[in-house]
Amino acid sequence: MINETTKSEFLLQFGKRLGEIKKQKGLSYRKIAENCDLDASFISKIEKGTENITLETILNLSYGLKIQPKEFFDFKVDLEKE
């Protein structure tokens, strides 16, 4: 069973990766939101790790950032924690 700490860390890592990609592309929340039909404040919450998103949201973000979905998951998760 995955504990709550591991789940929270995963969301934070995903959000951090989103922020890195956003910065690399020089895009604002507003511009990403315009490109993918998501609210800018929702994207901000994802980056902060406070939103547990769906696969559809990942697809929308990928479209808005013009990247493959797998690029969001370029981080490690400690699956040995209990």
PDB file of N, CA and C in Angstrom:
ATOM      1  N   MET A   1       0.847  -1.183   0.000  1.00  0.00           N
ATOM      2  CA  MET A   1       0.000   0.000   0.000  1.00  0.00           C
ATOM      3  C   MET A   1       0.890   1.242   0.000  1.00  0.00           C
ATOM      4  N   ILE A   2       0.568   2.190  -0.823  1.00  0.00           N
ATOM      5  CA  ILE A   2       1.328   3.440  -0.896  1.00  0.00           C
ATOM      6  C   ILE A   2       0.834   4.369   0.209  1.00  0.00           C
ATOM      7  N   ASN A   3       1.782   4.896   0.978  1.00  0.00           N
ATOM      8  CA  ASN A   3       1.381   5.789   2.070  1.00  0.00           C
ATOM      9  C   ASN A   3       1.133   7.216   1.563  1.00  0.00           C
ATOM     10  N   GLU A   4       0.528   8.015   2.409  1.00  0.00           N
ATOM     11  CA  GLU A   4       0.149   9.383   2.035  1.00  0.00           C
ATOM     12  C   GLU A   4       1.363  10.272   1.755  1.00  0.00           C
ATOM     13  N   THR A   5       2.446  10.042   2.477  1.00  0.00           N
ATOM     14  CA  THR A   5       3.656  10.837   2.259  1.00  0.00           C
ATOM     15  C   THR A   5       4.203  10.601   0.855  1.00  0.00           C
ATOM     16  N   THR A   6       4.238   9.348   0.439  1.00  0.00           N
ATOM     17  CA  THR A   6       4.723   9.018  -0.902  1.00  0.00           C
ATOM     18  C   THR A   6       3.818   9.630  -1.971  1.00  0.00           C
ATOM     19  N   LYS A   7       2.512   9.590  -1.744  1.00  0.00           N
ATOM     20  CA  LYS A   7       1.571  10.197  -2.696  1.00  0.00           C
ATOM     21  C   LYS A   7       1.815  11.700  -2.801  1.00  0.00           C
ATOM     22  N   SER A   8       1.983  12.347  -1.663  1.00  0.00           N
ATOM     23  CA  SER A   8       2.229  13.798  -1.659  1.00  0.00           C
ATOM     24  C   SER A   8       3.536  14.139  -2.355  1.00  0.00           C
ATOM     25  N   GLU A   9       4.580  13.353  -2.082  1.00  0.00           N
ATOM     26  CA  GLU A   9       5.878  13.581  -2.726  1.00  0.00           C
ATOM     27  C   GLU A   9       5.772  13.415  -4.235  1.00  0.00           C
ATOM     28  N   PHE A  10       4.975  12.446  -4.678  1.00  0.00           N
ATOM     29  CA  PHE A  10       4.789  12.229  -6.112  1.00  0.00           C
ATOM     30  C   PHE A  10       4.146  13.454  -6.758  1.00  0.00           C
ATOM     31  N   LEU A  11       3.098  13.978  -6.135  1.00  0.00           N
ATOM     32  CA  LEU A  11       2.433  15.171  -6.675  1.00  0.00           C
ATOM     33  C   LEU A  11       3.376  16.365  -6.698  1.00  0.00           C
ATOM     34  N   LEU A  12       4.196  16.496  -5.664  1.00  0.00           N
ATOM     35  CA  LEU A  12       5.175  17.593  -5.618  1.00  0.00           C
ATOM     36  C   LEU A  12       6.219  17.441  -6.712  1.00  0.00           C
ATOM     37  N   GLN A  13       6.699  16.227  -6.938  1.00  0.00           N
ATOM     38  CA  GLN A  13       7.695  15.976  -7.990  1.00  0.00           C
ATOM     39  C   GLN A  13       7.110  16.265  -9.372  1.00  0.00           C
ATOM     40  N   PHE A  14       5.860  15.823  -9.585  1.00  0.00           N
ATOM     41  CA  PHE A  14       5.205  16.101 -10.866  1.00  0.00           C
ATOM     42  C   PHE A  14       5.079  17.608 -11.073  1.00  0.00           C
ATOM     43  N   GLY A  15       4.644  18.304 -10.032  1.00  0.00           N
ATOM     44  CA  GLY A  15       4.498  19.759 -10.114  1.00  0.00           C
ATOM     45  C   GLY A  15       5.820  20.454 -10.371  1.00  0.00           C
ATOM     46  N   LYS A  16       6.855  19.982  -9.713  1.00  0.00           N
ATOM     47  CA  LYS A  16       8.187  20.556  -9.919  1.00  0.00           C
ATOM     48  C   LYS A  16       8.615  20.369 -11.374  1.00  0.00           C
ATOM     49  N   ARG A  17       8.342  19.194 -11.910  1.00  0.00           N
ATOM     50  CA  ARG A  17       8.700  18.916 -13.307  1.00  0.00           C
ATOM     51  C   ARG A  17       7.906  19.817 -14.254  1.00  0.00           C
ATOM     52  N   LEU A  18       6.631  20.003 -13.973  1.00  0.00           N
ATOM     53  CA  LEU A  18       5.813  20.926 -14.760  1.00  0.00           C
ATOM     54  C   LEU A  18       6.420  22.320 -14.734  1.00  0.00           C
ATOM     55  N   GLY A  19       6.836  22.769 -13.565  1.00  0.00           N
ATOM     56  CA  GLY A  19       7.455  24.090 -13.443  1.00  0.00           C
ATOM     57  C   GLY A  19       8.739  24.213 -14.240  1.00  0.00           C
ATOM     58  N   GLU A  20       9.543  23.147 -14.228  1.00  0.00           N
ATOM     59  CA  GLU A  20      10.796  23.152 -14.998  1.00  0.00           C
ATOM     60  C   GLU A  20      10.508  23.291 -16.492  1.00  0.00           C
ATOM     61  N   ILE A  21       9.536  22.528 -16.961  1.00  0.00           N
ATOM     62  CA  ILE A  21       9.186  22.577 -18.389  1.00  0.00           C
ATOM     63  C   ILE A  21       8.627  23.947 -18.750  1.00  0.00           C
ATOM     64  N   LYS A  22       7.772  24.476 -17.899  1.00  0.00           N
ATOM     65  CA  LYS A  22       7.189  25.806 -18.116  1.00  0.00           C
ATOM     66  C   LYS A  22       8.290  26.857 -18.222  1.00  0.00           C
ATOM     67  N   LYS A  23       9.247  26.777 -17.333  1.00  0.00           N
ATOM     68  CA  LYS A  23      10.360  27.733 -17.323  1.00  0.00           C
ATOM     69  C   LYS A  23      11.229  27.577 -18.575  1.00  0.00           C
ATOM     70  N   GLN A  24      11.556  26.326 -18.947  1.00  0.00           N
ATOM     71  CA  GLN A  24      12.369  26.070 -20.138  1.00  0.00           C
ATOM     72  C   GLN A  24      11.728  26.663 -21.390  1.00  0.00           C
ATOM     73  N   LYS A  25      10.410  26.588 -21.456  1.00  0.00           N
ATOM     74  CA  LYS A  25       9.691  27.074 -22.631  1.00  0.00           C
ATOM     75  C   LYS A  25       9.350  28.559 -22.529  1.00  0.00           C
ATOM     76  N   GLY A  26       9.621  29.161 -21.377  1.00  0.00           N
ATOM     77  CA  GLY A  26       9.358  30.581 -21.196  1.00  0.00           C
ATOM     78  C   GLY A  26       7.879  30.929 -21.234  1.00  0.00           C
ATOM     79  N   LEU A  27       7.050  30.039 -20.697  1.00  0.00           N
ATOM     80  CA  LEU A  27       5.604  30.248 -20.743  1.00  0.00           C
ATOM     81  C   LEU A  27       5.052  30.610 -19.367  1.00  0.00           C
ATOM     82  N   SER A  28       4.001  31.381 -19.364  1.00  0.00           N
ATOM     83  CA  SER A  28       3.286  31.723 -18.139  1.00  0.00           C
ATOM     84  C   SER A  28       2.131  30.737 -17.964  1.00  0.00           C
ATOM     85  N   TYR A  29       1.544  30.733 -16.761  1.00  0.00           N
ATOM     86  CA  TYR A  29       0.352  29.910 -16.536  1.00  0.00           C
ATOM     87  C   TYR A  29      -0.743  30.307 -17.524  1.00  0.00           C
ATOM     88  N   ARG A  30      -0.884  31.607 -17.720  1.00  0.00           N
ATOM     89  CA  ARG A  30      -1.931  32.110 -18.611  1.00  0.00           C
ATOM     90  C   ARG A  30      -1.749  31.598 -20.037  1.00  0.00           C
ATOM     91  N   LYS A  31      -0.512  31.604 -20.541  1.00  0.00           N
ATOM     92  CA  LYS A  31      -0.268  31.151 -21.911  1.00  0.00           C
ATOM     93  C   LYS A  31      -0.521  29.650 -22.042  1.00  0.00           C
ATOM     94  N   ILE A  32      -0.073  28.886 -21.054  1.00  0.00           N
ATOM     95  CA  ILE A  32      -0.340  27.438 -21.083  1.00  0.00           C
ATOM     96  C   ILE A  32      -1.847  27.208 -21.064  1.00  0.00           C
ATOM     97  N   ALA A  33      -2.540  27.940 -20.200  1.00  0.00           N
ATOM     98  CA  ALA A  33      -3.989  27.799 -20.087  1.00  0.00           C
ATOM     99  C   ALA A  33      -4.686  28.092 -21.418  1.00  0.00           C
ATOM    100  N   GLU A  34      -4.242  29.119 -22.107  1.00  0.00           N
ATOM    101  CA  GLU A  34      -4.814  29.452 -23.419  1.00  0.00           C
ATOM    102  C   GLU A  34      -4.593  28.328 -24.417  1.00  0.00           C
ATOM    103  N   ASN A  35      -3.429  27.685 -24.333  1.00  0.00           N
ATOM    104  CA  ASN A  35      -3.080  26.632 -25.284  1.00  0.00           C
ATOM    105  C   ASN A  35      -3.802  25.315 -25.024  1.00  0.00           C
ATOM    106  N   CYS A  36      -4.236  25.080 -23.781  1.00  0.00           N
ATOM    107  CA  CYS A  36      -4.775  23.750 -23.475  1.00  0.00           C
ATOM    108  C   CYS A  36      -6.148  23.753 -22.816  1.00  0.00           C
ATOM    109  N   ASP A  37      -6.810  24.893 -22.749  1.00  0.00           N
ATOM    110  CA  ASP A  37      -8.168  24.965 -22.220  1.00  0.00           C
ATOM    111  C   ASP A  37      -8.262  24.510 -20.759  1.00  0.00           C
ATOM    112  N   LEU A  38      -7.281  24.906 -19.961  1.00  0.00           N
ATOM    113  CA  LEU A  38      -7.312  24.704 -18.511  1.00  0.00           C
ATOM    114  C   LEU A  38      -7.203  26.078 -17.863  1.00  0.00           C
ATOM    115  N   ASP A  39      -7.694  26.198 -16.663  1.00  0.00           N
ATOM    116  CA  ASP A  39      -7.616  27.456 -15.938  1.00  0.00           C
ATOM    117  C   ASP A  39      -6.195  27.671 -15.402  1.00  0.00           C
ATOM    118  N   ALA A  40      -5.698  28.887 -15.520  1.00  0.00           N
ATOM    119  CA  ALA A  40      -4.338  29.209 -15.077  1.00  0.00           C
ATOM    120  C   ALA A  40      -4.152  28.921 -13.588  1.00  0.00           C
ATOM    121  N   SER A  41      -5.159  29.187 -12.769  1.00  0.00           N
ATOM    122  CA  SER A  41      -5.030  28.920 -11.332  1.00  0.00           C
ATOM    123  C   SER A  41      -4.961  27.420 -11.055  1.00  0.00           C
ATOM    124  N   PHE A  42      -5.635  26.619 -11.868  1.00  0.00           N
ATOM    125  CA  PHE A  42      -5.571  25.159 -11.737  1.00  0.00           C
ATOM    126  C   PHE A  42      -4.162  24.669 -12.070  1.00  0.00           C
ATOM    127  N   ILE A  43      -3.559  25.219 -13.112  1.00  0.00           N
ATOM    128  CA  ILE A  43      -2.192  24.844 -13.487  1.00  0.00           C
ATOM    129  C   ILE A  43      -1.230  25.222 -12.373  1.00  0.00           C
ATOM    130  N   SER A  44      -1.432  26.362 -11.760  1.00  0.00           N
ATOM    131  CA  SER A  44      -0.603  26.785 -10.634  1.00  0.00           C
ATOM    132  C   SER A  44      -0.707  25.789  -9.474  1.00  0.00           C
ATOM    133  N   LYS A  45      -1.911  25.326  -9.192  1.00  0.00           N
ATOM    134  CA  LYS A  45      -2.108  24.348  -8.117  1.00  0.00           C
ATOM    135  C   LYS A  45      -1.427  23.022  -8.435  1.00  0.00           C
ATOM    136  N   ILE A  46      -1.455  22.631  -9.699  1.00  0.00           N
ATOM    137  CA  ILE A  46      -0.764  21.402 -10.107  1.00  0.00           C
ATOM    138  C   ILE A  46       0.729  21.559  -9.844  1.00  0.00           C
ATOM    139  N   GLU A  47       1.285  22.707 -10.233  1.00  0.00           N
ATOM    140  CA  GLU A  47       2.710  22.949 -10.036  1.00  0.00           C
ATOM    141  C   GLU A  47       3.076  22.942  -8.553  1.00  0.00           C
ATOM    142  N   LYS A  48       2.184  23.397  -7.705  1.00  0.00           N
ATOM    143  CA  LYS A  48       2.436  23.404  -6.262  1.00  0.00           C
ATOM    144  C   LYS A  48       2.242  22.026  -5.630  1.00  0.00           C
ATOM    145  N   GLY A  49       1.722  21.077  -6.399  1.00  0.00           N
ATOM    146  CA  GLY A  49       1.532  19.723  -5.893  1.00  0.00           C
ATOM    147  C   GLY A  49       0.282  19.551  -5.054  1.00  0.00           C
ATOM    148  N   THR A  50      -0.685  20.453  -5.217  1.00  0.00           N
ATOM    149  CA  THR A  50      -1.897  20.369  -4.406  1.00  0.00           C
ATOM    150  C   THR A  50      -3.081  19.762  -5.145  1.00  0.00           C
ATOM    151  N   GLU A  51      -2.898  19.420  -6.414  1.00  0.00           N
ATOM    152  CA  GLU A  51      -3.975  18.823  -7.205  1.00  0.00           C
ATOM    153  C   GLU A  51      -3.575  17.429  -7.682  1.00  0.00           C
ATOM    154  N   ASN A  52      -4.454  16.475  -7.481  1.00  0.00           N
ATOM    155  CA  ASN A  52      -4.264  15.127  -8.007  1.00  0.00           C
ATOM    156  C   ASN A  52      -5.039  15.057  -9.312  1.00  0.00           C
ATOM    157  N   ILE A  53      -4.331  15.088 -10.420  1.00  0.00           N
ATOM    158  CA  ILE A  53      -4.962  15.279 -11.731  1.00  0.00           C
ATOM    159  C   ILE A  53      -5.234  13.965 -12.449  1.00  0.00           C
ATOM    160  N   THR A  54      -6.006  14.059 -13.508  1.00  0.00           N
ATOM    161  CA  THR A  54      -6.366  12.895 -14.317  1.00  0.00           C
ATOM    162  C   THR A  54      -5.418  12.751 -15.511  1.00  0.00           C
ATOM    163  N   LEU A  55      -5.522  11.615 -16.164  1.00  0.00           N
ATOM    164  CA  LEU A  55      -4.750  11.403 -17.393  1.00  0.00           C
ATOM    165  C   LEU A  55      -5.166  12.405 -18.470  1.00  0.00           C
ATOM    166  N   GLU A  56      -6.432  12.757 -18.494  1.00  0.00           N
ATOM    167  CA  GLU A  56      -6.906  13.737 -19.468  1.00  0.00           C
ATOM    168  C   GLU A  56      -6.240  15.097 -19.240  1.00  0.00           C
ATOM    169  N   THR A  57      -6.045  15.460 -17.986  1.00  0.00           N
ATOM    170  CA  THR A  57      -5.371  16.724 -17.678  1.00  0.00           C
ATOM    171  C   THR A  57      -3.917  16.672 -18.134  1.00  0.00           C
ATOM    172  N   ILE A  58      -3.273  15.532 -17.948  1.00  0.00           N
ATOM    173  CA  ILE A  58      -1.893  15.375 -18.419  1.00  0.00           C
ATOM    174  C   ILE A  58      -1.848  15.537 -19.934  1.00  0.00           C
ATOM    175  N   LEU A  59      -2.816  14.976 -20.619  1.00  0.00           N
ATOM    176  CA  LEU A  59      -2.884  15.122 -22.073  1.00  0.00           C
ATOM    177  C   LEU A  59      -3.085  16.584 -22.460  1.00  0.00           C
ATOM    178  N   ASN A  60      -3.970  17.281 -21.759  1.00  0.00           N
ATOM    179  CA  ASN A  60      -4.183  18.709 -22.032  1.00  0.00           C
ATOM    180  C   ASN A  60      -2.911  19.520 -21.796  1.00  0.00           C
ATOM    181  N   LEU A  61      -2.225  19.253 -20.697  1.00  0.00           N
ATOM    182  CA  LEU A  61      -0.971  19.954 -20.414  1.00  0.00           C
ATOM    183  C   LEU A  61       0.076  19.665 -21.486  1.00  0.00           C
ATOM    184  N   SER A  62       0.143  18.416 -21.916  1.00  0.00           N
ATOM    185  CA  SER A  62       1.098  18.036 -22.967  1.00  0.00           C
ATOM    186  C   SER A  62       0.827  18.818 -24.243  1.00  0.00           C
ATOM    187  N   TYR A  63      -0.448  18.930 -24.585  1.00  0.00           N
ATOM    188  CA  TYR A  63      -0.839  19.688 -25.765  1.00  0.00           C
ATOM    189  C   TYR A  63      -0.468  21.161 -25.604  1.00  0.00           C
ATOM    190  N   GLY A  64      -0.764  21.716 -24.447  1.00  0.00           N
ATOM    191  CA  GLY A  64      -0.482  23.129 -24.193  1.00  0.00           C
ATOM    192  C   GLY A  64       0.991  23.459 -24.186  1.00  0.00           C
ATOM    193  N   LEU A  65       1.808  22.506 -23.737  1.00  0.00           N
ATOM    194  CA  LEU A  65       3.256  22.721 -23.681  1.00  0.00           C
ATOM    195  C   LEU A  65       3.984  22.167 -24.907  1.00  0.00           C
ATOM    196  N   LYS A  66       3.236  21.477 -25.756  1.00  0.00           N
ATOM    197  CA  LYS A  66       3.796  20.865 -26.969  1.00  0.00           C
ATOM    198  C   LYS A  66       4.943  19.896 -26.636  1.00  0.00           C
ATOM    199  N   ILE A  67       4.640  18.987 -25.688  1.00  0.00           N
ATOM    200  CA  ILE A  67       5.599  17.949 -25.294  1.00  0.00           C
ATOM    201  C   ILE A  67       4.881  16.607 -25.227  1.00  0.00           C
ATOM    202  N   GLN A  68       5.645  15.548 -25.196  1.00  0.00           N
ATOM    203  CA  GLN A  68       5.083  14.219 -24.984  1.00  0.00           C
ATOM    204  C   GLN A  68       4.775  14.032 -23.497  1.00  0.00           C
ATOM    205  N   PRO A  69       3.688  13.348 -23.157  1.00  0.00           N
ATOM    206  CA  PRO A  69       3.322  13.167 -21.749  1.00  0.00           C
ATOM    207  C   PRO A  69       4.431  12.568 -20.886  1.00  0.00           C
ATOM    208  N   LYS A  70       5.225  11.689 -21.439  1.00  0.00           N
ATOM    209  CA  LYS A  70       6.274  11.033 -20.656  1.00  0.00           C
ATOM    210  C   LYS A  70       7.288  12.031 -20.085  1.00  0.00           C
ATOM    211  N   GLU A  71       7.406  13.197 -20.690  1.00  0.00           N
ATOM    212  CA  GLU A  71       8.365  14.192 -20.208  1.00  0.00           C
ATOM    213  C   GLU A  71       8.025  14.712 -18.818  1.00  0.00           C
ATOM    214  N   PHE A  72       6.766  14.597 -18.407  1.00  0.00           N
ATOM    215  CA  PHE A  72       6.369  15.020 -17.067  1.00  0.00           C
ATOM    216  C   PHE A  72       6.910  14.079 -15.983  1.00  0.00           C
ATOM    217  N   PHE A  73       7.245  12.871 -16.378  1.00  0.00           N
ATOM    218  CA  PHE A  73       7.596  11.842 -15.404  1.00  0.00           C
ATOM    219  C   PHE A  73       9.087  11.564 -15.337  1.00  0.00           C
ATOM    220  N   ASP A  74       9.896  12.570 -15.637  1.00  0.00           N
ATOM    221  CA  ASP A  74      11.350  12.425 -15.582  1.00  0.00           C
ATOM    222  C   ASP A  74      11.841  12.716 -14.159  1.00  0.00           C
ATOM    223  N   PHE A  75      11.432  11.849 -13.225  1.00  0.00           N
ATOM    224  CA  PHE A  75      11.859  11.940 -11.834  1.00  0.00           C
ATOM    225  C   PHE A  75      11.718  10.561 -11.196  1.00  0.00           C
ATOM    226  N   LYS A  76      12.353  10.383 -10.067  1.00  0.00           N
ATOM    227  CA  LYS A  76      12.342   9.096  -9.364  1.00  0.00           C
ATOM    228  C   LYS A  76      11.357   9.139  -8.203  1.00  0.00           C
ATOM    229  N   VAL A  77      10.747   7.991  -7.931  1.00  0.00           N
ATOM    230  CA  VAL A  77       9.849   7.829  -6.807  1.00  0.00           C
ATOM    231  C   VAL A  77      10.382   6.688  -5.953  1.00  0.00           C
ATOM    232  N   ASP A  78      10.475   6.895  -4.640  1.00  0.00           N
ATOM    233  CA  ASP A  78      10.943   5.855  -3.735  1.00  0.00           C
ATOM    234  C   ASP A  78       9.783   4.917  -3.434  1.00  0.00           C
ATOM    235  N   LEU A  79       9.763   3.769  -4.096  1.00  0.00           N
ATOM    236  CA  LEU A  79       8.680   2.807  -3.932  1.00  0.00           C
ATOM    237  C   LEU A  79       8.945   1.836  -2.784  1.00  0.00           C
ATOM    238  N   GLU A  80      10.072   1.981  -2.123  1.00  0.00           N
ATOM    239  CA  GLU A  80      10.416   1.104  -1.010  1.00  0.00           C
ATOM    240  C   GLU A  80       9.915   1.627   0.331  1.00  0.00           C
ATOM    241  N   LYS A  81       9.471   2.871   0.371  1.00  0.00           N
ATOM    242  CA  LYS A  81       8.970   3.454   1.614  1.00  0.00           C
ATOM    243  C   LYS A  81       7.688   2.770   2.043  1.00  0.00           C
ATOM    244  N   GLU A  82       7.486   2.718   3.346  1.00  0.00           N
ATOM    245  CA  GLU A  82       6.230   2.183   3.874  1.00  0.00           C
ATOM    246  C   GLU A  82       5.555   3.187   4.728  1.00  0.00           C
TER     247      GLU A  82
END
